[in-house]
Amino acid sequence: MEILPEPIAFQWDKGNLHKNITKHDVSWQEAEEACMNKPFVMAADREHSTNKERRMFALGKTNADRRLFIAFTIRRNKIRVISARDMTTAEKDAYEDFEEDS
């Protein structure tokens, strides 16, 4: 089981702030909300992890119930969002299974 650092804090790279809004129309505020709301389902992203940095991906929802897929890493006990976008249909279906079980 993966656990987020407590308290949850974020570290933003300026390039990712702009990339997520321009490419996926996801604001940094929405990405942060999705990390804090329940259920927040995450797993290791072995394909994109390296020996130096472990990557994670997660499914979460914003306060407005927007469903997001978030790729991130944890650096110095802070969540560093790499990418945030809307969930695909398959991801939404998987997320809804977690909501039903909550």
N, C-alpha and C. Protein backbone atom coordinates (compact mmCIF):
# COMPACT_ATOMS: atom_id res chain seq x y z
N MET A 1 0.85 -1.18 0.00
CA MET A 1 0.00 0.00 0.00
C MET A 1 0.89 1.24 0.00
N GLU A 2 0.52 2.20 -0.80
CA GLU A 2 1.27 3.45 -0.90
C GLU A 2 0.61 4.50 -0.01
N ILE A 3 1.43 5.31 0.62
CA ILE A 3 0.92 6.35 1.50
C ILE A 3 1.51 7.69 1.10
N LEU A 4 0.68 8.70 1.01
CA LEU A 4 1.15 10.04 0.70
C LEU A 4 1.76 10.67 1.94
N PRO A 5 2.72 11.57 1.74
CA PRO A 5 3.30 12.25 2.91
C PRO A 5 2.25 13.08 3.63
N GLU A 6 2.42 13.21 4.93
CA GLU A 6 1.51 14.03 5.74
C GLU A 6 2.29 15.16 6.38
N PRO A 7 1.86 16.37 6.41
CA PRO A 7 0.70 16.84 5.66
C PRO A 7 1.01 16.87 4.18
N ILE A 8 -0.02 16.81 3.36
CA ILE A 8 0.18 16.82 1.92
C ILE A 8 0.62 18.22 1.49
N ALA A 9 1.74 18.26 0.79
CA ALA A 9 2.27 19.52 0.25
C ALA A 9 2.68 19.25 -1.20
N PHE A 10 2.71 20.31 -1.98
CA PHE A 10 3.00 20.17 -3.41
C PHE A 10 4.22 21.00 -3.80
N GLN A 11 4.92 20.51 -4.79
CA GLN A 11 6.03 21.23 -5.40
C GLN A 11 5.72 21.29 -6.89
N TRP A 12 5.67 22.51 -7.43
CA TRP A 12 5.29 22.69 -8.83
C TRP A 12 6.46 23.19 -9.66
N ASP A 13 6.62 22.55 -10.80
CA ASP A 13 7.58 22.99 -11.82
C ASP A 13 6.81 23.92 -12.75
N LYS A 14 7.37 25.10 -13.04
CA LYS A 14 6.63 26.07 -13.86
C LYS A 14 6.20 25.50 -15.20
N GLY A 15 7.04 24.67 -15.80
CA GLY A 15 6.69 24.07 -17.09
C GLY A 15 5.48 23.17 -16.99
N ASN A 16 5.38 22.40 -15.91
CA ASN A 16 4.24 21.51 -15.75
C ASN A 16 2.97 22.27 -15.41
N LEU A 17 3.11 23.39 -14.72
CA LEU A 17 1.92 24.22 -14.44
C LEU A 17 1.27 24.63 -15.75
N HIS A 18 2.08 25.12 -16.67
CA HIS A 18 1.56 25.62 -17.95
C HIS A 18 1.17 24.47 -18.88
N LYS A 19 1.95 23.38 -18.87
CA LYS A 19 1.66 22.24 -19.75
C LYS A 19 0.29 21.65 -19.44
N ASN A 20 -0.01 21.46 -18.16
CA ASN A 20 -1.27 20.83 -17.80
C ASN A 20 -2.46 21.69 -18.17
N ILE A 21 -2.33 22.99 -18.03
CA ILE A 21 -3.46 23.87 -18.39
C ILE A 21 -3.61 23.99 -19.91
N THR A 22 -2.50 24.11 -20.64
CA THR A 22 -2.60 24.28 -22.08
C THR A 22 -2.89 22.98 -22.81
N LYS A 23 -2.28 21.88 -22.37
CA LYS A 23 -2.45 20.61 -23.06
C LYS A 23 -3.70 19.86 -22.63
N HIS A 24 -4.03 19.92 -21.34
CA HIS A 24 -5.13 19.11 -20.81
C HIS A 24 -6.25 19.92 -20.16
N ASP A 25 -6.10 21.24 -20.11
CA ASP A 25 -7.09 22.13 -19.49
C ASP A 25 -7.34 21.76 -18.02
N VAL A 26 -6.25 21.39 -17.32
CA VAL A 26 -6.33 21.06 -15.90
C VAL A 26 -5.48 22.07 -15.13
N SER A 27 -6.10 22.80 -14.21
CA SER A 27 -5.38 23.78 -13.41
C SER A 27 -4.63 23.08 -12.29
N TRP A 28 -3.64 23.78 -11.73
CA TRP A 28 -2.90 23.20 -10.60
C TRP A 28 -3.82 23.00 -9.40
N GLN A 29 -4.82 23.87 -9.26
CA GLN A 29 -5.75 23.74 -8.14
C GLN A 29 -6.56 22.44 -8.26
N GLU A 30 -7.00 22.13 -9.49
CA GLU A 30 -7.77 20.90 -9.69
C GLU A 30 -6.91 19.66 -9.41
N ALA A 31 -5.67 19.69 -9.85
CA ALA A 31 -4.78 18.55 -9.61
C ALA A 31 -4.58 18.34 -8.10
N GLU A 32 -4.40 19.42 -7.37
CA GLU A 32 -4.24 19.31 -5.92
C GLU A 32 -5.51 18.79 -5.26
N GLU A 33 -6.67 19.28 -5.68
CA GLU A 33 -7.93 18.80 -5.12
C GLU A 33 -8.07 17.29 -5.32
N ALA A 34 -7.73 16.82 -6.52
CA ALA A 34 -7.88 15.39 -6.82
C ALA A 34 -6.99 14.53 -5.93
N CYS A 35 -5.86 15.09 -5.52
CA CYS A 35 -4.95 14.35 -4.63
C CYS A 35 -5.47 14.30 -3.19
N MET A 36 -6.35 15.21 -2.84
CA MET A 36 -6.80 15.30 -1.46
C MET A 36 -8.18 14.68 -1.24
N ASN A 37 -8.95 14.50 -2.29
CA ASN A 37 -10.30 13.95 -2.14
C ASN A 37 -10.27 12.43 -2.16
N LYS A 38 -11.30 11.84 -1.58
CA LYS A 38 -11.43 10.38 -1.52
C LYS A 38 -12.48 9.92 -2.51
N PRO A 39 -12.36 8.75 -3.11
CA PRO A 39 -11.17 7.93 -3.02
C PRO A 39 -10.05 8.49 -3.89
N PHE A 40 -8.83 8.28 -3.45
CA PHE A 40 -7.63 8.61 -4.21
C PHE A 40 -6.90 7.30 -4.40
N VAL A 41 -6.92 6.80 -5.62
CA VAL A 41 -6.40 5.47 -5.93
C VAL A 41 -5.06 5.63 -6.63
N MET A 42 -4.00 5.08 -6.03
CA MET A 42 -2.69 5.25 -6.65
C MET A 42 -1.93 3.94 -6.71
N ALA A 43 -0.96 3.93 -7.64
CA ALA A 43 -0.12 2.74 -7.82
C ALA A 43 1.23 3.19 -8.38
N ALA A 44 2.20 2.30 -8.26
CA ALA A 44 3.53 2.58 -8.81
C ALA A 44 3.47 2.55 -10.34
N ASP A 45 4.17 3.48 -10.96
CA ASP A 45 4.29 3.53 -12.41
C ASP A 45 5.66 2.96 -12.76
N ARG A 46 5.75 1.66 -12.80
CA ARG A 46 7.04 0.99 -13.01
C ARG A 46 7.64 1.31 -14.37
N GLU A 47 6.79 1.51 -15.36
CA GLU A 47 7.27 1.80 -16.72
C GLU A 47 8.06 3.10 -16.79
N HIS A 48 7.66 4.11 -16.01
CA HIS A 48 8.30 5.42 -16.07
C HIS A 48 9.22 5.70 -14.88
N SER A 49 9.33 4.78 -13.96
CA SER A 49 10.22 4.95 -12.81
C SER A 49 11.66 4.65 -13.21
N THR A 50 12.58 5.26 -12.48
CA THR A 50 14.01 4.99 -12.68
C THR A 50 14.61 4.64 -11.32
N ASN A 51 15.89 4.28 -11.34
CA ASN A 51 16.57 4.01 -10.06
C ASN A 51 16.63 5.27 -9.20
N LYS A 52 16.67 6.43 -9.83
CA LYS A 52 16.78 7.69 -9.09
C LYS A 52 15.45 8.24 -8.63
N GLU A 53 14.38 7.92 -9.38
CA GLU A 53 13.09 8.51 -9.04
C GLU A 53 11.95 7.54 -9.32
N ARG A 54 11.14 7.33 -8.31
CA ARG A 54 9.98 6.46 -8.45
C ARG A 54 8.78 7.29 -8.86
N ARG A 55 8.13 6.88 -9.91
CA ARG A 55 6.93 7.56 -10.39
C ARG A 55 5.69 6.82 -9.95
N MET A 56 4.63 7.58 -9.77
CA MET A 56 3.34 7.04 -9.35
C MET A 56 2.27 7.57 -10.31
N PHE A 57 1.16 6.87 -10.35
CA PHE A 57 -0.01 7.44 -11.02
C PHE A 57 -1.21 7.23 -10.12
N ALA A 58 -2.20 8.08 -10.31
CA ALA A 58 -3.36 8.03 -9.43
C ALA A 58 -4.62 8.45 -10.17
N LEU A 59 -5.74 8.01 -9.63
CA LEU A 59 -7.06 8.43 -10.09
C LEU A 59 -7.72 9.14 -8.92
N GLY A 60 -8.26 10.32 -9.20
CA GLY A 60 -8.91 11.09 -8.16
C GLY A 60 -9.95 12.02 -8.75
N LYS A 61 -10.66 12.73 -7.87
CA LYS A 61 -11.70 13.65 -8.37
C LYS A 61 -11.56 15.00 -7.70
N THR A 62 -11.94 16.03 -8.42
CA THR A 62 -11.90 17.39 -7.92
C THR A 62 -13.14 17.67 -7.08
N ASN A 63 -13.17 18.83 -6.47
CA ASN A 63 -14.36 19.24 -5.70
C ASN A 63 -15.59 19.33 -6.58
N ALA A 64 -15.38 19.61 -7.88
CA ALA A 64 -16.49 19.70 -8.83
C ALA A 64 -16.79 18.35 -9.48
N ASP A 65 -16.20 17.27 -8.95
CA ASP A 65 -16.41 15.90 -9.40
C ASP A 65 -15.80 15.60 -10.77
N ARG A 66 -14.82 16.40 -11.18
CA ARG A 66 -14.07 16.10 -12.41
C ARG A 66 -13.11 14.96 -12.09
N ARG A 67 -13.08 13.94 -12.93
CA ARG A 67 -12.25 12.76 -12.71
C ARG A 67 -10.91 12.94 -13.42
N LEU A 68 -9.82 12.86 -12.65
CA LEU A 68 -8.49 13.11 -13.21
C LEU A 68 -7.55 11.93 -13.01
N PHE A 69 -6.69 11.74 -13.99
CA PHE A 69 -5.53 10.85 -13.92
C PHE A 69 -4.34 11.75 -13.64
N ILE A 70 -3.54 11.40 -12.64
CA ILE A 70 -2.40 12.23 -12.26
C ILE A 70 -1.15 11.38 -12.19
N ALA A 71 -0.11 11.80 -12.89
CA ALA A 71 1.21 11.18 -12.79
C ALA A 71 2.05 12.09 -11.91
N PHE A 72 2.77 11.49 -10.94
CA PHE A 72 3.53 12.31 -10.01
C PHE A 72 4.69 11.54 -9.41
N THR A 73 5.54 12.25 -8.72
CA THR A 73 6.60 11.66 -7.91
C THR A 73 6.59 12.37 -6.57
N ILE A 74 7.29 11.84 -5.63
CA ILE A 74 7.40 12.50 -4.32
C ILE A 74 8.86 12.90 -4.13
N ARG A 75 9.08 14.18 -3.97
CA ARG A 75 10.42 14.72 -3.74
C ARG A 75 10.42 15.50 -2.44
N ARG A 76 11.35 15.17 -1.57
CA ARG A 76 11.49 15.85 -0.29
C ARG A 76 10.13 15.98 0.41
N ASN A 77 9.39 14.86 0.45
CA ASN A 77 8.08 14.80 1.11
C ASN A 77 7.04 15.73 0.51
N LYS A 78 7.22 16.07 -0.76
CA LYS A 78 6.21 16.89 -1.46
C LYS A 78 5.81 16.17 -2.74
N ILE A 79 4.54 16.29 -3.07
CA ILE A 79 4.03 15.72 -4.31
C ILE A 79 4.41 16.65 -5.46
N ARG A 80 5.08 16.10 -6.45
CA ARG A 80 5.46 16.86 -7.64
C ARG A 80 4.68 16.29 -8.81
N VAL A 81 3.65 17.01 -9.23
CA VAL A 81 2.78 16.55 -10.32
C VAL A 81 3.54 16.68 -11.64
N ILE A 82 3.56 15.59 -12.38
CA ILE A 82 4.21 15.57 -13.68
C ILE A 82 3.19 15.85 -14.77
N SER A 83 2.02 15.24 -14.63
CA SER A 83 0.97 15.43 -15.62
C SER A 83 -0.39 15.18 -14.97
N ALA A 84 -1.38 15.92 -15.42
CA ALA A 84 -2.76 15.73 -14.96
C ALA A 84 -3.67 15.90 -16.17
N ARG A 85 -4.59 14.95 -16.32
CA ARG A 85 -5.52 14.97 -17.46
C ARG A 85 -6.81 14.29 -17.04
N ASP A 86 -7.83 14.42 -17.87
CA ASP A 86 -9.08 13.73 -17.62
C ASP A 86 -8.86 12.23 -17.75
N MET A 87 -9.61 11.46 -16.95
CA MET A 87 -9.53 10.00 -17.03
C MET A 87 -10.10 9.52 -18.36
N THR A 88 -9.56 8.40 -18.83
CA THR A 88 -10.15 7.72 -19.98
C THR A 88 -11.40 6.99 -19.49
N THR A 89 -12.18 6.47 -20.42
CA THR A 89 -13.38 5.72 -20.05
C THR A 89 -13.03 4.51 -19.18
N ALA A 90 -11.98 3.78 -19.54
CA ALA A 90 -11.57 2.61 -18.75
C ALA A 90 -11.13 3.03 -17.35
N GLU A 91 -10.42 4.14 -17.24
CA GLU A 91 -9.99 4.64 -15.93
C GLU A 91 -11.19 5.06 -15.08
N LYS A 92 -12.18 5.69 -15.71
CA LYS A 92 -13.40 6.07 -14.98
C LYS A 92 -14.12 4.85 -14.45
N ASP A 93 -14.21 3.81 -15.28
CA ASP A 93 -14.87 2.58 -14.85
C ASP A 93 -14.16 1.98 -13.65
N ALA A 94 -12.83 1.93 -13.70
CA ALA A 94 -12.05 1.38 -12.58
C ALA A 94 -12.23 2.24 -11.34
N TYR A 95 -12.24 3.57 -11.50
CA TYR A 95 -12.40 4.48 -10.38
C TYR A 95 -13.77 4.30 -9.72
N GLU A 96 -14.80 4.15 -10.54
CA GLU A 96 -16.15 3.97 -10.02
C GLU A 96 -16.26 2.69 -9.19
N ASP A 97 -15.49 1.65 -9.55
CA ASP A 97 -15.46 0.43 -8.74
C ASP A 97 -14.93 0.74 -7.35
N PHE A 98 -13.90 1.58 -7.26
CA PHE A 98 -13.35 1.97 -5.95
C PHE A 98 -14.35 2.81 -5.16
N GLU A 99 -15.07 3.69 -5.87
CA GLU A 99 -16.08 4.53 -5.17
C GLU A 99 -17.17 3.65 -4.56
N GLU A 100 -17.61 2.65 -5.29
CA GLU A 100 -18.66 1.77 -4.79
C GLU A 100 -18.21 1.00 -3.57
N ASP A 101 -16.93 0.65 -3.54
CA ASP A 101 -16.39 -0.11 -2.41
C ASP A 101 -16.08 0.76 -1.20
N SER A 102 -16.06 2.08 -1.39
CA SER A 102 -15.73 3.00 -0.28
C SER A 102 -16.88 3.17 0.68
